[in-house]
N, C-alpha and C. Protein backbone atom coordinates (compact mmCIF):
# COMPACT_ATOMS: atom_id res chain seq x y z
N UNK A 1 -73.95 -37.37 34.46
CA UNK A 1 -73.12 -36.64 35.40
C UNK A 1 -72.85 -35.26 34.81
N UNK A 2 -73.08 -34.25 35.59
CA UNK A 2 -72.93 -32.87 35.16
C UNK A 2 -71.50 -32.40 35.41
N UNK A 3 -70.84 -31.90 34.39
CA UNK A 3 -69.44 -31.46 34.52
C UNK A 3 -69.30 -30.31 35.51
N UNK A 4 -70.36 -29.55 35.70
CA UNK A 4 -70.31 -28.44 36.68
C UNK A 4 -70.04 -28.96 38.09
N UNK A 5 -70.34 -30.21 38.34
CA UNK A 5 -70.07 -30.82 39.64
C UNK A 5 -68.58 -30.85 39.95
N UNK A 6 -67.74 -30.73 38.92
CA UNK A 6 -66.29 -30.79 39.08
C UNK A 6 -65.65 -29.41 39.18
N UNK A 7 -66.42 -28.35 39.10
CA UNK A 7 -65.84 -27.01 39.09
C UNK A 7 -65.04 -26.70 40.34
N UNK A 8 -65.45 -27.18 41.48
CA UNK A 8 -64.76 -26.90 42.74
C UNK A 8 -63.72 -27.96 43.10
N UNK A 9 -63.58 -28.96 42.23
CA UNK A 9 -62.63 -30.04 42.46
C UNK A 9 -61.31 -29.68 41.78
N UNK A 10 -60.22 -29.85 42.51
CA UNK A 10 -58.89 -29.49 42.02
C UNK A 10 -58.44 -30.36 40.85
N UNK A 11 -57.34 -29.94 40.24
CA UNK A 11 -56.75 -30.73 39.16
C UNK A 11 -56.33 -32.10 39.67
N UNK A 12 -55.77 -32.17 40.88
CA UNK A 12 -55.44 -33.47 41.47
C UNK A 12 -56.69 -34.34 41.57
N UNK A 13 -57.78 -33.75 41.99
CA UNK A 13 -59.04 -34.49 42.11
C UNK A 13 -59.57 -34.95 40.77
N UNK A 14 -59.44 -34.12 39.75
CA UNK A 14 -59.92 -34.47 38.41
C UNK A 14 -59.10 -35.61 37.81
N UNK A 15 -57.79 -35.54 37.98
CA UNK A 15 -56.93 -36.62 37.50
C UNK A 15 -57.24 -37.90 38.28
N UNK A 16 -57.42 -37.77 39.58
CA UNK A 16 -57.75 -38.94 40.40
C UNK A 16 -59.07 -39.56 39.97
N UNK A 17 -60.05 -38.74 39.65
CA UNK A 17 -61.32 -39.25 39.15
C UNK A 17 -61.08 -40.02 37.85
N UNK A 18 -60.26 -39.45 36.97
CA UNK A 18 -59.93 -40.12 35.72
C UNK A 18 -59.28 -41.48 35.94
N UNK A 19 -58.38 -41.55 36.91
CA UNK A 19 -57.72 -42.83 37.20
C UNK A 19 -58.75 -43.83 37.72
N UNK A 20 -59.68 -43.37 38.52
CA UNK A 20 -60.74 -44.26 38.97
C UNK A 20 -61.64 -44.68 37.81
N UNK A 21 -61.78 -43.82 36.82
CA UNK A 21 -62.50 -44.21 35.60
C UNK A 21 -61.78 -45.34 34.89
N UNK A 22 -60.44 -45.29 34.88
CA UNK A 22 -59.68 -46.39 34.28
C UNK A 22 -59.92 -47.68 35.05
N UNK A 23 -59.88 -47.60 36.37
CA UNK A 23 -60.15 -48.80 37.18
C UNK A 23 -61.55 -49.34 36.89
N UNK A 24 -62.52 -48.47 36.77
CA UNK A 24 -63.89 -48.90 36.44
C UNK A 24 -63.94 -49.55 35.07
N UNK A 25 -63.22 -48.96 34.12
CA UNK A 25 -63.19 -49.50 32.76
C UNK A 25 -62.57 -50.89 32.75
N UNK A 26 -61.47 -51.05 33.45
CA UNK A 26 -60.82 -52.35 33.53
C UNK A 26 -61.76 -53.39 34.12
N UNK A 27 -62.44 -53.02 35.19
CA UNK A 27 -63.38 -53.95 35.83
C UNK A 27 -64.56 -54.24 34.91
N UNK A 28 -65.08 -53.23 34.27
CA UNK A 28 -66.21 -53.39 33.35
C UNK A 28 -65.87 -54.35 32.21
N UNK A 29 -64.64 -54.23 31.72
CA UNK A 29 -64.20 -55.08 30.61
C UNK A 29 -63.65 -56.43 31.08
N UNK A 30 -63.71 -56.64 32.40
CA UNK A 30 -63.30 -57.91 33.01
C UNK A 30 -61.81 -58.18 32.90
N UNK A 31 -61.00 -57.12 33.02
CA UNK A 31 -59.56 -57.26 33.08
C UNK A 31 -59.16 -57.43 34.54
N UNK A 32 -58.04 -58.06 34.76
CA UNK A 32 -57.49 -58.20 36.10
C UNK A 32 -56.79 -56.89 36.46
N UNK A 33 -57.35 -56.14 37.37
CA UNK A 33 -56.81 -54.83 37.73
C UNK A 33 -55.40 -54.94 38.29
N UNK A 34 -55.11 -56.03 38.98
CA UNK A 34 -53.76 -56.20 39.54
C UNK A 34 -52.69 -56.24 38.45
N UNK A 35 -53.03 -56.78 37.28
CA UNK A 35 -52.07 -56.80 36.18
C UNK A 35 -51.78 -55.40 35.66
N UNK A 36 -52.66 -54.46 35.95
CA UNK A 36 -52.53 -53.08 35.49
C UNK A 36 -51.95 -52.17 36.56
N UNK A 37 -51.51 -52.75 37.67
CA UNK A 37 -51.01 -51.96 38.81
C UNK A 37 -49.88 -51.02 38.39
N UNK A 38 -48.97 -51.46 37.54
CA UNK A 38 -47.85 -50.61 37.12
C UNK A 38 -48.36 -49.35 36.41
N UNK A 39 -49.35 -49.50 35.54
CA UNK A 39 -49.93 -48.35 34.84
C UNK A 39 -50.61 -47.44 35.84
N UNK A 40 -51.37 -48.01 36.74
CA UNK A 40 -52.07 -47.21 37.75
C UNK A 40 -51.09 -46.45 38.64
N UNK A 41 -50.00 -47.10 39.02
CA UNK A 41 -49.00 -46.42 39.86
C UNK A 41 -48.37 -45.24 39.13
N UNK A 42 -48.03 -45.44 37.86
CA UNK A 42 -47.49 -44.32 37.08
C UNK A 42 -48.50 -43.17 37.02
N UNK A 43 -49.76 -43.50 36.81
CA UNK A 43 -50.79 -42.46 36.74
C UNK A 43 -50.98 -41.76 38.08
N UNK A 44 -51.00 -42.54 39.17
CA UNK A 44 -51.19 -41.95 40.50
C UNK A 44 -50.04 -41.03 40.90
N UNK A 45 -48.89 -41.20 40.29
CA UNK A 45 -47.76 -40.32 40.60
C UNK A 45 -48.09 -38.85 40.36
N UNK A 46 -49.08 -38.58 39.53
CA UNK A 46 -49.48 -37.19 39.26
C UNK A 46 -49.74 -36.43 40.55
N UNK A 47 -50.33 -37.10 41.52
CA UNK A 47 -50.76 -36.42 42.74
C UNK A 47 -49.61 -36.09 43.68
N UNK A 48 -48.41 -36.56 43.35
CA UNK A 48 -47.29 -36.30 44.26
C UNK A 48 -46.03 -35.77 43.58
N UNK A 49 -46.05 -35.59 42.26
CA UNK A 49 -44.85 -35.11 41.58
C UNK A 49 -44.65 -33.62 41.81
N UNK A 50 -43.40 -33.23 41.80
CA UNK A 50 -43.08 -31.81 41.94
C UNK A 50 -43.17 -31.11 40.59
N UNK A 51 -42.74 -31.80 39.53
CA UNK A 51 -42.73 -31.21 38.20
C UNK A 51 -43.59 -32.04 37.26
N UNK A 52 -44.55 -31.41 36.66
CA UNK A 52 -45.49 -32.09 35.77
C UNK A 52 -44.78 -32.71 34.57
N UNK A 53 -43.65 -32.14 34.16
CA UNK A 53 -42.90 -32.68 33.02
C UNK A 53 -42.46 -34.12 33.26
N UNK A 54 -42.07 -34.43 34.50
CA UNK A 54 -41.65 -35.79 34.81
C UNK A 54 -42.81 -36.76 34.62
N UNK A 55 -43.97 -36.40 35.13
CA UNK A 55 -45.15 -37.26 35.02
C UNK A 55 -45.58 -37.37 33.55
N UNK A 56 -45.66 -36.25 32.86
CA UNK A 56 -46.14 -36.29 31.48
C UNK A 56 -45.18 -37.07 30.59
N UNK A 57 -43.89 -37.01 30.91
CA UNK A 57 -42.90 -37.75 30.12
C UNK A 57 -43.12 -39.25 30.19
N UNK A 58 -43.26 -39.77 31.39
CA UNK A 58 -43.46 -41.22 31.53
C UNK A 58 -44.81 -41.64 30.99
N UNK A 59 -45.85 -40.85 31.23
CA UNK A 59 -47.18 -41.24 30.76
C UNK A 59 -47.22 -41.23 29.23
N UNK A 60 -46.59 -40.26 28.61
CA UNK A 60 -46.58 -40.26 27.14
C UNK A 60 -45.88 -41.50 26.60
N UNK A 61 -44.91 -42.04 27.35
CA UNK A 61 -44.23 -43.25 26.91
C UNK A 61 -45.06 -44.51 27.12
N UNK A 62 -45.98 -44.50 28.10
CA UNK A 62 -46.74 -45.72 28.40
C UNK A 62 -48.15 -45.72 27.81
N UNK A 63 -48.57 -44.64 27.16
CA UNK A 63 -49.86 -44.66 26.49
C UNK A 63 -49.82 -45.80 25.47
N UNK A 64 -50.81 -46.70 25.53
CA UNK A 64 -50.75 -47.89 24.65
C UNK A 64 -50.48 -47.57 23.18
N UNK A 65 -51.17 -46.59 22.63
CA UNK A 65 -50.98 -46.25 21.22
C UNK A 65 -49.52 -45.87 20.95
N UNK A 66 -48.90 -45.15 21.87
CA UNK A 66 -47.50 -44.73 21.69
C UNK A 66 -46.53 -45.89 21.88
N UNK A 67 -46.71 -46.65 22.95
CA UNK A 67 -45.78 -47.73 23.26
C UNK A 67 -45.81 -48.82 22.19
N UNK A 68 -47.00 -49.11 21.66
CA UNK A 68 -47.13 -50.19 20.69
C UNK A 68 -46.59 -49.84 19.30
N UNK A 69 -46.09 -48.62 19.14
CA UNK A 69 -45.43 -48.27 17.88
C UNK A 69 -44.13 -49.05 17.73
N UNK A 70 -43.61 -49.57 18.84
CA UNK A 70 -42.32 -50.24 18.85
C UNK A 70 -42.48 -51.68 19.31
N UNK A 71 -41.82 -52.59 18.60
CA UNK A 71 -41.87 -54.00 19.00
C UNK A 71 -40.76 -54.33 19.97
N UNK A 72 -39.68 -53.57 19.90
CA UNK A 72 -38.53 -53.83 20.75
C UNK A 72 -38.10 -52.54 21.44
N UNK A 73 -37.63 -52.68 22.64
CA UNK A 73 -37.20 -51.54 23.46
C UNK A 73 -36.14 -50.71 22.74
N UNK A 74 -35.25 -51.38 22.05
CA UNK A 74 -34.13 -50.70 21.39
C UNK A 74 -34.57 -49.83 20.22
N UNK A 75 -35.80 -49.97 19.76
CA UNK A 75 -36.27 -49.20 18.60
C UNK A 75 -36.55 -47.73 18.95
N UNK A 76 -36.56 -47.41 20.22
CA UNK A 76 -36.86 -46.04 20.63
C UNK A 76 -35.94 -45.65 21.78
N UNK A 77 -35.65 -44.38 21.86
CA UNK A 77 -34.82 -43.87 22.94
C UNK A 77 -35.72 -43.44 24.09
N UNK A 78 -36.17 -44.41 24.88
CA UNK A 78 -37.05 -44.10 26.00
C UNK A 78 -36.28 -43.31 27.06
N UNK A 79 -36.90 -42.26 27.52
CA UNK A 79 -36.25 -41.43 28.54
C UNK A 79 -36.58 -41.91 29.95
N UNK A 80 -37.78 -42.43 30.15
CA UNK A 80 -38.24 -42.79 31.48
C UNK A 80 -38.46 -44.29 31.67
N UNK A 81 -38.86 -44.97 30.65
CA UNK A 81 -39.27 -46.36 30.73
C UNK A 81 -38.07 -47.28 30.55
N UNK A 82 -37.88 -48.22 31.49
CA UNK A 82 -36.79 -49.17 31.33
C UNK A 82 -37.26 -50.38 30.52
N UNK A 83 -36.32 -51.21 30.12
CA UNK A 83 -36.62 -52.33 29.23
C UNK A 83 -37.58 -53.34 29.87
N UNK A 84 -37.40 -53.61 31.13
CA UNK A 84 -38.27 -54.59 31.83
C UNK A 84 -39.72 -54.11 31.81
N UNK A 85 -39.95 -52.86 32.15
CA UNK A 85 -41.31 -52.33 32.17
C UNK A 85 -41.87 -52.19 30.75
N UNK A 86 -41.01 -51.85 29.80
CA UNK A 86 -41.47 -51.81 28.40
C UNK A 86 -42.00 -53.17 27.99
N UNK A 87 -41.24 -54.22 28.24
CA UNK A 87 -41.65 -55.56 27.84
C UNK A 87 -42.94 -55.98 28.54
N UNK A 88 -43.05 -55.67 29.82
CA UNK A 88 -44.27 -56.00 30.55
C UNK A 88 -45.48 -55.28 29.93
N UNK A 89 -45.34 -53.98 29.72
CA UNK A 89 -46.45 -53.21 29.15
C UNK A 89 -46.76 -53.63 27.72
N UNK A 90 -45.73 -53.89 26.94
CA UNK A 90 -45.95 -54.33 25.56
C UNK A 90 -46.81 -55.60 25.54
N UNK A 91 -46.49 -56.53 26.40
CA UNK A 91 -47.27 -57.77 26.48
C UNK A 91 -48.66 -57.52 27.04
N UNK A 92 -48.76 -56.66 28.03
CA UNK A 92 -50.06 -56.32 28.63
C UNK A 92 -51.00 -55.69 27.62
N UNK A 93 -50.45 -54.86 26.75
CA UNK A 93 -51.27 -54.10 25.81
C UNK A 93 -51.69 -54.89 24.57
N UNK A 94 -51.19 -56.07 24.40
CA UNK A 94 -51.56 -56.85 23.23
C UNK A 94 -53.07 -57.11 23.24
N UNK A 95 -53.73 -56.72 22.19
CA UNK A 95 -55.17 -56.95 22.02
C UNK A 95 -56.05 -56.30 23.09
N UNK A 96 -55.61 -55.16 23.65
CA UNK A 96 -56.47 -54.50 24.64
C UNK A 96 -57.63 -53.81 23.94
N UNK A 97 -58.67 -53.62 24.68
CA UNK A 97 -59.84 -52.90 24.19
C UNK A 97 -59.46 -51.43 24.00
N UNK A 98 -59.94 -50.83 22.93
CA UNK A 98 -59.62 -49.43 22.62
C UNK A 98 -60.08 -48.47 23.71
N UNK A 99 -61.05 -48.88 24.51
CA UNK A 99 -61.54 -48.02 25.60
C UNK A 99 -60.43 -47.75 26.62
N UNK A 100 -59.58 -48.73 26.85
CA UNK A 100 -58.49 -48.55 27.81
C UNK A 100 -57.50 -47.52 27.30
N UNK A 101 -57.13 -47.62 26.04
CA UNK A 101 -56.23 -46.64 25.45
C UNK A 101 -56.84 -45.24 25.53
N UNK A 102 -58.13 -45.14 25.23
CA UNK A 102 -58.81 -43.84 25.27
C UNK A 102 -58.78 -43.25 26.68
N UNK A 103 -59.05 -44.06 27.68
CA UNK A 103 -59.10 -43.56 29.05
C UNK A 103 -57.71 -43.13 29.52
N UNK A 104 -56.69 -43.92 29.24
CA UNK A 104 -55.33 -43.54 29.65
C UNK A 104 -54.92 -42.24 28.97
N UNK A 105 -55.20 -42.12 27.69
CA UNK A 105 -54.89 -40.89 26.96
C UNK A 105 -55.67 -39.71 27.53
N UNK A 106 -56.91 -39.93 27.91
CA UNK A 106 -57.72 -38.86 28.52
C UNK A 106 -57.14 -38.40 29.85
N UNK A 107 -56.68 -39.33 30.66
CA UNK A 107 -56.05 -38.97 31.94
C UNK A 107 -54.82 -38.10 31.68
N UNK A 108 -54.03 -38.49 30.70
CA UNK A 108 -52.86 -37.69 30.31
C UNK A 108 -53.30 -36.28 29.89
N UNK A 109 -54.35 -36.20 29.08
CA UNK A 109 -54.84 -34.89 28.62
C UNK A 109 -55.35 -34.03 29.76
N UNK A 110 -56.03 -34.64 30.71
CA UNK A 110 -56.51 -33.89 31.88
C UNK A 110 -55.31 -33.37 32.68
N UNK A 111 -54.36 -34.26 32.94
CA UNK A 111 -53.19 -33.90 33.75
C UNK A 111 -52.31 -32.85 33.13
N UNK A 112 -52.23 -32.81 31.82
CA UNK A 112 -51.35 -31.84 31.15
C UNK A 112 -52.10 -30.61 30.66
N UNK A 113 -53.38 -30.54 30.89
CA UNK A 113 -54.20 -29.44 30.36
C UNK A 113 -53.78 -28.07 30.88
N UNK A 114 -53.16 -28.03 32.04
CA UNK A 114 -52.72 -26.75 32.62
C UNK A 114 -51.20 -26.74 32.85
N UNK A 115 -50.49 -27.59 32.11
CA UNK A 115 -49.06 -27.76 32.37
C UNK A 115 -48.25 -26.48 32.22
N UNK A 116 -48.57 -25.67 31.25
CA UNK A 116 -47.77 -24.47 31.01
C UNK A 116 -48.61 -23.20 31.12
N UNK A 117 -49.69 -23.31 31.86
CA UNK A 117 -50.56 -22.17 32.08
C UNK A 117 -50.98 -22.11 33.53
N UNK A 118 -51.50 -21.01 33.91
CA UNK A 118 -52.04 -20.83 35.25
C UNK A 118 -53.49 -21.35 35.24
N UNK A 119 -53.87 -21.99 36.32
CA UNK A 119 -55.26 -22.43 36.44
C UNK A 119 -56.09 -21.22 36.84
N UNK A 120 -56.99 -20.83 35.95
CA UNK A 120 -57.83 -19.66 36.17
C UNK A 120 -59.24 -20.13 36.49
N UNK A 121 -59.84 -19.48 37.47
CA UNK A 121 -61.20 -19.79 37.91
C UNK A 121 -61.36 -21.29 38.14
N UNK A 122 -62.19 -21.93 37.33
CA UNK A 122 -62.48 -23.35 37.53
C UNK A 122 -61.60 -24.27 36.70
N UNK A 123 -60.62 -23.76 36.03
CA UNK A 123 -59.75 -24.59 35.22
C UNK A 123 -60.48 -25.24 34.06
N UNK A 124 -60.99 -24.40 33.18
CA UNK A 124 -61.86 -24.86 32.10
C UNK A 124 -61.21 -25.91 31.20
N UNK A 125 -59.91 -25.78 30.94
CA UNK A 125 -59.26 -26.75 30.04
C UNK A 125 -59.36 -28.18 30.58
N UNK A 126 -59.07 -28.35 31.87
CA UNK A 126 -59.17 -29.70 32.43
C UNK A 126 -60.61 -30.16 32.54
N UNK A 127 -61.53 -29.22 32.78
CA UNK A 127 -62.96 -29.58 32.78
C UNK A 127 -63.39 -30.08 31.41
N UNK A 128 -62.94 -29.42 30.36
CA UNK A 128 -63.28 -29.85 29.00
C UNK A 128 -62.76 -31.25 28.72
N UNK A 129 -61.52 -31.51 29.11
CA UNK A 129 -60.93 -32.84 28.90
C UNK A 129 -61.66 -33.91 29.72
N UNK A 130 -62.01 -33.57 30.95
CA UNK A 130 -62.75 -34.50 31.81
C UNK A 130 -64.14 -34.79 31.23
N UNK A 131 -64.77 -33.78 30.69
CA UNK A 131 -66.09 -33.96 30.09
C UNK A 131 -66.03 -34.92 28.89
N UNK A 132 -64.98 -34.82 28.11
CA UNK A 132 -64.79 -35.74 26.98
C UNK A 132 -64.72 -37.18 27.49
N UNK A 133 -63.94 -37.38 28.55
CA UNK A 133 -63.80 -38.71 29.14
C UNK A 133 -65.13 -39.22 29.67
N UNK A 134 -65.82 -38.40 30.44
CA UNK A 134 -67.09 -38.81 31.03
C UNK A 134 -68.11 -39.16 29.95
N UNK A 135 -68.22 -38.31 28.94
CA UNK A 135 -69.17 -38.58 27.85
C UNK A 135 -68.83 -39.88 27.11
N UNK A 136 -67.55 -40.12 26.90
CA UNK A 136 -67.12 -41.34 26.24
C UNK A 136 -67.53 -42.57 27.05
N UNK A 137 -67.30 -42.52 28.35
CA UNK A 137 -67.66 -43.67 29.19
C UNK A 137 -69.16 -43.87 29.24
N UNK A 138 -69.91 -42.79 29.31
CA UNK A 138 -71.38 -42.90 29.30
C UNK A 138 -71.85 -43.52 27.99
N UNK A 139 -71.31 -43.04 26.88
CA UNK A 139 -71.68 -43.58 25.56
C UNK A 139 -71.35 -45.07 25.44
N UNK A 140 -70.31 -45.50 26.12
CA UNK A 140 -69.89 -46.90 26.06
C UNK A 140 -70.40 -47.71 27.25
N UNK A 141 -71.29 -47.11 28.02
CA UNK A 141 -71.98 -47.76 29.14
C UNK A 141 -71.04 -48.29 30.22
N UNK A 142 -69.90 -47.60 30.39
CA UNK A 142 -68.96 -47.95 31.45
C UNK A 142 -69.40 -47.20 32.71
N UNK A 143 -69.56 -47.89 33.83
CA UNK A 143 -69.98 -47.22 35.06
C UNK A 143 -68.96 -46.18 35.51
N UNK A 144 -69.46 -45.04 35.91
CA UNK A 144 -68.60 -43.96 36.41
C UNK A 144 -68.42 -44.09 37.93
N UNK A 145 -67.25 -43.70 38.42
CA UNK A 145 -67.04 -43.70 39.87
C UNK A 145 -67.93 -42.66 40.54
N UNK A 146 -68.14 -42.84 41.82
CA UNK A 146 -68.87 -41.86 42.62
C UNK A 146 -68.00 -40.62 42.78
N UNK A 147 -68.56 -39.46 42.55
CA UNK A 147 -67.82 -38.20 42.64
C UNK A 147 -67.58 -37.74 44.08
N UNK A 148 -68.37 -38.23 45.01
CA UNK A 148 -68.36 -37.73 46.38
C UNK A 148 -66.97 -37.66 47.01
N UNK A 149 -66.14 -38.72 46.96
CA UNK A 149 -64.82 -38.63 47.61
C UNK A 149 -63.91 -37.54 47.05
N UNK A 150 -64.14 -37.15 45.81
CA UNK A 150 -63.28 -36.18 45.15
C UNK A 150 -63.64 -34.74 45.52
N UNK A 151 -64.81 -34.55 46.06
CA UNK A 151 -65.26 -33.20 46.40
C UNK A 151 -64.44 -32.59 47.53
N UNK A 152 -63.73 -33.40 48.28
CA UNK A 152 -62.88 -32.88 49.35
C UNK A 152 -61.58 -32.30 48.82
N UNK A 153 -61.30 -32.50 47.55
CA UNK A 153 -60.07 -32.00 46.93
C UNK A 153 -60.36 -30.66 46.25
N UNK A 154 -60.32 -29.61 47.02
CA UNK A 154 -60.78 -28.29 46.59
C UNK A 154 -59.81 -27.61 45.62
N UNK A 155 -60.39 -26.98 44.61
CA UNK A 155 -59.61 -26.23 43.63
C UNK A 155 -59.03 -24.96 44.26
N UNK A 156 -59.58 -24.52 45.38
CA UNK A 156 -59.12 -23.30 46.03
C UNK A 156 -57.78 -23.48 46.74
N UNK A 157 -57.42 -24.72 47.03
CA UNK A 157 -56.17 -24.98 47.74
C UNK A 157 -55.02 -25.15 46.76
N UNK A 158 -53.88 -24.59 47.10
CA UNK A 158 -52.65 -24.74 46.32
C UNK A 158 -52.83 -24.29 44.87
N UNK A 159 -53.50 -23.18 44.68
CA UNK A 159 -53.64 -22.52 43.37
C UNK A 159 -54.24 -23.43 42.30
N UNK A 160 -55.27 -24.16 42.66
CA UNK A 160 -55.99 -24.97 41.69
C UNK A 160 -55.56 -26.42 41.61
N UNK A 161 -54.34 -26.70 42.06
CA UNK A 161 -53.86 -28.07 41.98
C UNK A 161 -54.48 -28.94 43.06
N UNK A 162 -54.77 -28.33 44.21
CA UNK A 162 -55.36 -29.08 45.32
C UNK A 162 -54.28 -29.69 46.18
N UNK A 163 -54.73 -30.36 47.21
CA UNK A 163 -53.81 -31.02 48.13
C UNK A 163 -53.08 -32.15 47.43
N UNK A 164 -51.84 -32.37 47.87
CA UNK A 164 -51.14 -33.55 47.42
C UNK A 164 -51.52 -34.69 48.35
N UNK A 165 -51.63 -35.85 47.81
CA UNK A 165 -51.93 -37.03 48.60
C UNK A 165 -51.44 -38.23 47.84
N UNK A 166 -51.31 -39.32 48.53
CA UNK A 166 -50.90 -40.55 47.86
C UNK A 166 -52.14 -41.12 47.20
N UNK A 167 -52.11 -41.12 45.89
CA UNK A 167 -53.28 -41.53 45.12
C UNK A 167 -53.76 -42.93 45.43
N UNK A 168 -52.82 -43.84 45.65
CA UNK A 168 -53.25 -45.20 45.89
C UNK A 168 -54.08 -45.31 47.15
N UNK A 169 -53.85 -44.40 48.12
CA UNK A 169 -54.70 -44.41 49.31
C UNK A 169 -56.12 -44.05 48.95
N UNK A 170 -56.30 -43.03 48.10
CA UNK A 170 -57.65 -42.65 47.68
C UNK A 170 -58.28 -43.79 46.90
N UNK A 171 -57.47 -44.43 46.06
CA UNK A 171 -57.99 -45.54 45.26
C UNK A 171 -58.52 -46.65 46.16
N UNK A 172 -57.80 -46.95 47.23
CA UNK A 172 -58.25 -48.01 48.14
C UNK A 172 -59.49 -47.62 48.90
N UNK A 173 -59.67 -46.32 49.17
CA UNK A 173 -60.85 -45.84 49.85
C UNK A 173 -62.07 -46.02 48.97
N UNK A 174 -61.89 -45.75 47.67
CA UNK A 174 -62.99 -45.84 46.73
C UNK A 174 -63.28 -47.27 46.47
């Protein structure tokens, strides 16, 4: 897959593609995707949040590598994650394949790549992060999602961010 194919796709579209990569990874590794719904919902919130800080805050707390630093909720002052969701995710993440952690972290990197900057031209920073993800999945023989549905999310709309949409709707379409 050529990264240039994503040049006209908005940041919302790139993050959405990344989330679909996570779904593909879960399926490829034979995980029950429904058990991962909470993670997917947090990730899909990117496409509808008003402030990127809110999204990046919760995602940084749920990245497996970060969350698994703590055995108990009380060991950390979580700003966004409640105790019930912490316990669920802590149990979910036990013995997960490193590919899942990598993909979730990559989605976070794509989503925050333009957090404090203006998206210029094709948004090279997010393209670079997306390329890292795509290459990793190819190297690990994880099937990539079809890019076609994401091409409708133009980088020209809304100053590079693209249209807002409910991500789970796009996920169900794919």
